[in-house]
Amino acid sequence: MEKRLEAGWLQRIAWSALVWVTLGLLVWVPFLYVAIRRGRGSDWGAFAAFAFYECVTFFWGLATSRSDGNGDPVLGIVVLLSLLLATAMLLFAVFDRRRPAQDVHPAPAQGPAYGYPYGR
């Protein structure tokens, strides 16, 4: 059976808040958590993509920083779009939906079989 990773809305919002509060510096952490807990290839791919994104944008920001305090506007747009994408993924796509609770009532017991009882 495939592993499931269910999360309530509070946990999803908390992971999304981590992404926004750190301004994207820890965007890879929720995806690492999901990849370790569930272990699917797609989860490891999402983690690798966001870790690679973090490395690229960090050095991109260092390379394009200017002494007058203005940065690269394209970098700002890329960061905002990636934060929105990560938030949408964390809220709606990464975690599995909770299944409804199973009935706690046992199935009724089977009665005696119909037919001729002495022919068994």
N, C-alpha and C. Protein backbone atom coordinates (compact mmCIF):
# COMPACT_ATOMS: atom_id res chain seq x y z
N MET A 1 0.85 -1.18 0.00
CA MET A 1 0.00 0.00 0.00
C MET A 1 0.89 1.24 0.00
N GLU A 2 0.47 2.21 -0.74
CA GLU A 2 1.24 3.45 -0.87
C GLU A 2 1.08 4.32 0.38
N LYS A 3 2.16 4.96 0.79
CA LYS A 3 2.10 5.82 1.97
C LYS A 3 1.29 7.07 1.67
N ARG A 4 0.55 7.51 2.69
CA ARG A 4 -0.24 8.74 2.58
C ARG A 4 0.27 9.72 3.60
N LEU A 5 0.17 10.98 3.28
CA LEU A 5 0.56 12.03 4.21
C LEU A 5 -0.58 13.04 4.27
N GLU A 6 -1.42 12.87 5.27
CA GLU A 6 -2.58 13.74 5.42
C GLU A 6 -2.21 14.93 6.30
N ALA A 7 -2.79 16.05 6.00
CA ALA A 7 -2.55 17.25 6.80
C ALA A 7 -3.82 18.08 6.83
N GLY A 8 -4.08 18.65 7.99
CA GLY A 8 -5.22 19.55 8.13
C GLY A 8 -4.87 20.93 7.59
N TRP A 9 -5.87 21.79 7.58
CA TRP A 9 -5.65 23.13 7.02
C TRP A 9 -4.67 23.94 7.85
N LEU A 10 -4.66 23.74 9.17
CA LEU A 10 -3.75 24.50 10.02
C LEU A 10 -2.29 24.15 9.70
N GLN A 11 -2.02 22.87 9.48
CA GLN A 11 -0.65 22.47 9.13
C GLN A 11 -0.26 23.00 7.75
N ARG A 12 -1.18 22.96 6.81
CA ARG A 12 -0.89 23.47 5.47
C ARG A 12 -0.60 24.97 5.52
N ILE A 13 -1.39 25.70 6.30
CA ILE A 13 -1.18 27.15 6.41
C ILE A 13 0.13 27.44 7.13
N ALA A 14 0.49 26.62 8.12
CA ALA A 14 1.76 26.83 8.83
C ALA A 14 2.95 26.62 7.90
N TRP A 15 2.90 25.60 7.05
CA TRP A 15 4.00 25.40 6.09
C TRP A 15 4.06 26.56 5.10
N SER A 16 2.91 27.05 4.67
CA SER A 16 2.89 28.18 3.74
C SER A 16 3.40 29.45 4.41
N ALA A 17 3.08 29.62 5.68
CA ALA A 17 3.58 30.79 6.42
C ALA A 17 5.10 30.74 6.55
N LEU A 18 5.66 29.55 6.73
CA LEU A 18 7.12 29.42 6.78
C LEU A 18 7.76 29.92 5.49
N VAL A 19 7.14 29.61 4.38
CA VAL A 19 7.66 30.05 3.08
C VAL A 19 7.65 31.57 2.99
N TRP A 20 6.56 32.21 3.40
CA TRP A 20 6.43 33.66 3.26
C TRP A 20 7.21 34.42 4.32
N VAL A 21 7.24 33.92 5.57
CA VAL A 21 7.94 34.63 6.64
C VAL A 21 9.44 34.67 6.38
N THR A 22 9.98 33.61 5.81
CA THR A 22 11.42 33.58 5.52
C THR A 22 11.74 34.18 4.16
N LEU A 23 10.74 34.77 3.51
CA LEU A 23 10.90 35.38 2.17
C LEU A 23 11.48 34.41 1.15
N GLY A 24 11.12 33.16 1.28
CA GLY A 24 11.53 32.15 0.31
C GLY A 24 12.86 31.48 0.60
N LEU A 25 13.55 31.88 1.65
CA LEU A 25 14.84 31.25 1.94
C LEU A 25 14.70 29.81 2.41
N LEU A 26 13.57 29.49 3.02
CA LEU A 26 13.33 28.11 3.48
C LEU A 26 12.20 27.45 2.71
N VAL A 27 12.05 27.81 1.46
CA VAL A 27 10.96 27.25 0.65
C VAL A 27 11.13 25.74 0.45
N TRP A 28 12.33 25.24 0.55
CA TRP A 28 12.61 23.83 0.31
C TRP A 28 12.27 22.97 1.53
N VAL A 29 12.14 23.52 2.72
CA VAL A 29 11.96 22.73 3.95
C VAL A 29 10.66 21.93 3.95
N PRO A 30 9.49 22.50 3.63
CA PRO A 30 8.28 21.67 3.62
C PRO A 30 8.34 20.53 2.62
N PHE A 31 8.99 20.76 1.50
CA PHE A 31 9.08 19.72 0.48
C PHE A 31 10.05 18.61 0.91
N LEU A 32 11.08 18.95 1.67
CA LEU A 32 11.96 17.93 2.24
C LEU A 32 11.20 17.10 3.26
N TYR A 33 10.39 17.73 4.09
CA TYR A 33 9.57 17.03 5.07
C TYR A 33 8.65 16.01 4.38
N VAL A 34 7.97 16.45 3.34
CA VAL A 34 7.05 15.56 2.62
C VAL A 34 7.81 14.43 1.95
N ALA A 35 8.97 14.73 1.36
CA ALA A 35 9.74 13.70 0.67
C ALA A 35 10.25 12.65 1.64
N ILE A 36 10.68 13.05 2.82
CA ILE A 36 11.17 12.08 3.80
C ILE A 36 10.02 11.25 4.35
N ARG A 37 8.90 11.88 4.65
CA ARG A 37 7.78 11.16 5.25
C ARG A 37 7.09 10.21 4.27
N ARG A 38 6.90 10.65 3.01
CA ARG A 38 6.15 9.84 2.06
C ARG A 38 7.05 9.07 1.12
N GLY A 39 8.15 9.66 0.70
CA GLY A 39 9.14 8.95 -0.09
C GLY A 39 8.82 8.72 -1.56
N ARG A 40 7.88 9.43 -2.12
CA ARG A 40 7.59 9.27 -3.55
C ARG A 40 8.65 9.98 -4.38
N GLY A 41 8.84 9.52 -5.59
CA GLY A 41 9.79 10.16 -6.49
C GLY A 41 9.38 11.58 -6.84
N SER A 42 8.09 11.81 -6.97
CA SER A 42 7.62 13.16 -7.31
C SER A 42 7.88 14.13 -6.15
N ASP A 43 7.81 13.63 -4.92
CA ASP A 43 8.11 14.49 -3.77
C ASP A 43 9.59 14.86 -3.74
N TRP A 44 10.45 13.89 -4.04
CA TRP A 44 11.89 14.19 -4.10
C TRP A 44 12.19 15.14 -5.25
N GLY A 45 11.46 15.01 -6.36
CA GLY A 45 11.64 15.92 -7.48
C GLY A 45 11.25 17.35 -7.13
N ALA A 46 10.13 17.51 -6.40
CA ALA A 46 9.71 18.85 -5.97
C ALA A 46 10.73 19.45 -5.01
N PHE A 47 11.24 18.64 -4.09
CA PHE A 47 12.27 19.13 -3.18
C PHE A 47 13.52 19.55 -3.94
N ALA A 48 13.96 18.73 -4.88
CA ALA A 48 15.17 19.04 -5.66
C ALA A 48 14.97 20.31 -6.47
N ALA A 49 13.78 20.49 -7.03
CA ALA A 49 13.51 21.69 -7.83
C ALA A 49 13.57 22.95 -6.98
N PHE A 50 12.97 22.92 -5.79
CA PHE A 50 12.99 24.11 -4.95
C PHE A 50 14.36 24.34 -4.32
N ALA A 51 15.11 23.28 -4.04
CA ALA A 51 16.48 23.46 -3.53
C ALA A 51 17.37 24.07 -4.62
N PHE A 52 17.21 23.60 -5.85
CA PHE A 52 17.97 24.17 -6.97
C PHE A 52 17.57 25.62 -7.20
N TYR A 53 16.28 25.91 -7.12
CA TYR A 53 15.79 27.28 -7.25
C TYR A 53 16.44 28.18 -6.20
N GLU A 54 16.54 27.70 -4.97
CA GLU A 54 17.11 28.50 -3.90
C GLU A 54 18.58 28.82 -4.17
N CYS A 55 19.32 27.83 -4.64
CA CYS A 55 20.73 28.06 -4.96
C CYS A 55 20.89 29.07 -6.10
N VAL A 56 20.09 28.92 -7.13
CA VAL A 56 20.19 29.80 -8.30
C VAL A 56 19.80 31.23 -7.93
N THR A 57 18.68 31.40 -7.22
CA THR A 57 18.26 32.77 -6.91
C THR A 57 19.18 33.44 -5.89
N PHE A 58 19.78 32.67 -5.01
CA PHE A 58 20.71 33.26 -4.05
C PHE A 58 21.91 33.86 -4.77
N PHE A 59 22.51 33.08 -5.67
CA PHE A 59 23.66 33.60 -6.39
C PHE A 59 23.27 34.64 -7.43
N TRP A 60 22.08 34.53 -7.99
CA TRP A 60 21.57 35.55 -8.91
C TRP A 60 21.42 36.88 -8.18
N GLY A 61 20.90 36.82 -6.95
CA GLY A 61 20.77 38.06 -6.17
C GLY A 61 22.11 38.66 -5.81
N LEU A 62 23.09 37.83 -5.50
CA LEU A 62 24.43 38.34 -5.20
C LEU A 62 25.09 38.96 -6.44
N ALA A 63 24.87 38.33 -7.59
CA ALA A 63 25.51 38.82 -8.81
C ALA A 63 24.88 40.10 -9.33
N THR A 64 23.59 40.31 -9.08
CA THR A 64 22.92 41.48 -9.64
C THR A 64 22.70 42.58 -8.61
N SER A 65 23.22 42.42 -7.41
CA SER A 65 23.05 43.49 -6.42
C SER A 65 23.89 44.70 -6.82
N ARG A 66 23.32 45.87 -6.58
CA ARG A 66 23.98 47.11 -6.97
C ARG A 66 24.27 47.92 -5.73
N SER A 67 25.20 48.84 -5.86
CA SER A 67 25.57 49.67 -4.71
C SER A 67 24.50 50.71 -4.38
N ASP A 68 23.62 51.04 -5.33
CA ASP A 68 22.60 52.04 -5.06
C ASP A 68 21.37 51.46 -4.35
N GLY A 69 21.36 50.16 -4.06
CA GLY A 69 20.27 49.54 -3.33
C GLY A 69 19.18 48.97 -4.19
N ASN A 70 19.22 49.22 -5.48
CA ASN A 70 18.22 48.66 -6.39
C ASN A 70 18.71 47.31 -6.90
N GLY A 71 17.84 46.36 -6.86
CA GLY A 71 18.18 45.04 -7.36
C GLY A 71 17.60 44.80 -8.74
N ASP A 72 17.66 43.58 -9.16
CA ASP A 72 17.13 43.17 -10.45
C ASP A 72 15.61 42.99 -10.34
N PRO A 73 14.81 43.72 -11.11
CA PRO A 73 13.36 43.57 -11.00
C PRO A 73 12.88 42.20 -11.49
N VAL A 74 13.60 41.61 -12.42
CA VAL A 74 13.21 40.29 -12.91
C VAL A 74 13.36 39.26 -11.78
N LEU A 75 14.40 39.39 -10.98
CA LEU A 75 14.59 38.50 -9.85
C LEU A 75 13.44 38.63 -8.86
N GLY A 76 12.98 39.83 -8.62
CA GLY A 76 11.84 40.04 -7.72
C GLY A 76 10.58 39.36 -8.23
N ILE A 77 10.33 39.46 -9.53
CA ILE A 77 9.15 38.81 -10.11
C ILE A 77 9.28 37.30 -10.01
N VAL A 78 10.46 36.77 -10.28
CA VAL A 78 10.69 35.32 -10.19
C VAL A 78 10.46 34.83 -8.76
N VAL A 79 10.95 35.58 -7.78
CA VAL A 79 10.79 35.18 -6.38
C VAL A 79 9.31 35.20 -5.99
N LEU A 80 8.58 36.24 -6.36
CA LEU A 80 7.16 36.31 -6.03
C LEU A 80 6.36 35.19 -6.68
N LEU A 81 6.65 34.91 -7.94
CA LEU A 81 5.94 33.83 -8.63
C LEU A 81 6.26 32.47 -8.01
N SER A 82 7.50 32.25 -7.63
CA SER A 82 7.85 30.97 -7.01
C SER A 82 7.23 30.83 -5.62
N LEU A 83 7.12 31.93 -4.87
CA LEU A 83 6.46 31.87 -3.58
C LEU A 83 4.97 31.56 -3.74
N LEU A 84 4.34 32.16 -4.72
CA LEU A 84 2.94 31.86 -4.99
C LEU A 84 2.74 30.41 -5.43
N LEU A 85 3.65 29.91 -6.26
CA LEU A 85 3.57 28.52 -6.71
C LEU A 85 3.76 27.56 -5.53
N ALA A 86 4.74 27.82 -4.69
CA ALA A 86 4.98 26.96 -3.53
C ALA A 86 3.79 26.98 -2.59
N THR A 87 3.20 28.15 -2.38
CA THR A 87 2.03 28.25 -1.50
C THR A 87 0.86 27.47 -2.07
N ALA A 88 0.61 27.60 -3.35
CA ALA A 88 -0.48 26.86 -3.98
C ALA A 88 -0.24 25.35 -3.89
N MET A 89 1.00 24.93 -4.09
CA MET A 89 1.31 23.50 -3.99
C MET A 89 1.11 23.01 -2.55
N LEU A 90 1.56 23.77 -1.58
CA LEU A 90 1.43 23.33 -0.19
C LEU A 90 -0.02 23.32 0.28
N LEU A 91 -0.81 24.25 -0.20
CA LEU A 91 -2.21 24.31 0.25
C LEU A 91 -3.09 23.28 -0.44
N PHE A 92 -2.84 23.01 -1.72
CA PHE A 92 -3.80 22.21 -2.48
C PHE A 92 -3.27 20.94 -3.12
N ALA A 93 -1.96 20.78 -3.30
CA ALA A 93 -1.49 19.66 -4.11
C ALA A 93 -0.59 18.67 -3.38
N VAL A 94 0.19 19.09 -2.43
CA VAL A 94 1.22 18.22 -1.87
C VAL A 94 0.65 17.19 -0.90
N PHE A 95 -0.18 17.63 0.03
CA PHE A 95 -0.70 16.74 1.06
C PHE A 95 -1.94 16.02 0.56
N ASP A 96 -2.13 14.79 1.05
CA ASP A 96 -3.30 14.01 0.69
C ASP A 96 -4.50 14.50 1.50
N ARG A 97 -5.67 14.37 0.90
CA ARG A 97 -6.89 14.75 1.61
C ARG A 97 -7.21 13.68 2.65
N ARG A 98 -7.83 14.14 3.72
CA ARG A 98 -8.21 13.19 4.77
C ARG A 98 -9.37 12.33 4.29
N ARG A 99 -9.28 11.06 4.63
CA ARG A 99 -10.36 10.14 4.29
C ARG A 99 -11.43 10.22 5.38
N PRO A 100 -12.68 10.00 4.99
CA PRO A 100 -13.72 9.97 6.03
C PRO A 100 -13.50 8.78 6.96
N ALA A 101 -13.89 8.94 8.20
CA ALA A 101 -13.70 7.87 9.18
C ALA A 101 -14.52 6.64 8.80
N GLN A 102 -13.95 5.49 9.03
CA GLN A 102 -14.64 4.23 8.75
C GLN A 102 -15.74 4.01 9.80
N ASP A 103 -16.74 3.26 9.43
CA ASP A 103 -17.79 2.92 10.39
C ASP A 103 -17.20 2.08 11.51
N VAL A 104 -17.56 2.40 12.73
CA VAL A 104 -17.04 1.65 13.86
C VAL A 104 -17.95 0.48 14.21
N HIS A 105 -19.10 0.38 13.55
CA HIS A 105 -20.01 -0.73 13.82
C HIS A 105 -19.58 -1.94 13.01
N PRO A 106 -19.46 -3.10 13.66
CA PRO A 106 -19.07 -4.29 12.91
C PRO A 106 -20.21 -4.77 12.01
N ALA A 107 -19.85 -5.54 11.03
CA ALA A 107 -20.85 -6.09 10.12
C ALA A 107 -21.70 -7.11 10.89
N PRO A 108 -22.99 -7.24 10.55
CA PRO A 108 -23.82 -8.21 11.27
C PRO A 108 -23.32 -9.64 11.03
N ALA A 109 -23.49 -10.44 12.04
CA ALA A 109 -23.05 -11.84 11.95
C ALA A 109 -23.94 -12.60 10.97
N GLN A 110 -23.36 -13.56 10.30
CA GLN A 110 -24.11 -14.39 9.35
C GLN A 110 -24.96 -15.39 10.12
N GLY A 111 -26.16 -15.55 9.68
CA GLY A 111 -27.05 -16.54 10.29
C GLY A 111 -26.74 -17.93 9.74
N PRO A 112 -27.51 -18.90 10.15
CA PRO A 112 -27.27 -20.26 9.63
C PRO A 112 -27.56 -20.32 8.14
N ALA A 113 -26.84 -21.19 7.47
CA ALA A 113 -26.99 -21.33 6.02
C ALA A 113 -28.33 -21.99 5.70
N TYR A 114 -28.92 -21.62 4.57
CA TYR A 114 -30.16 -22.23 4.13
C TYR A 114 -29.86 -23.54 3.44
N GLY A 115 -30.80 -24.38 3.43
CA GLY A 115 -30.65 -25.64 2.70
C GLY A 115 -30.77 -26.85 3.62
N TYR A 116 -30.42 -27.96 3.08
CA TYR A 116 -30.52 -29.22 3.80
C TYR A 116 -29.31 -29.36 4.72
N PRO A 117 -29.46 -29.35 6.05
CA PRO A 117 -28.33 -29.32 6.96
C PRO A 117 -27.57 -30.63 7.08
N TYR A 118 -28.16 -31.78 6.64
CA TYR A 118 -27.51 -33.05 6.86
C TYR A 118 -26.64 -33.47 5.68
N GLY A 119 -26.61 -32.72 4.62
CA GLY A 119 -25.86 -33.11 3.44
C GLY A 119 -24.43 -32.56 3.41
N ARG A 120 -23.93 -32.07 4.47
CA ARG A 120 -22.60 -31.46 4.47
C ARG A 120 -21.55 -32.45 4.59
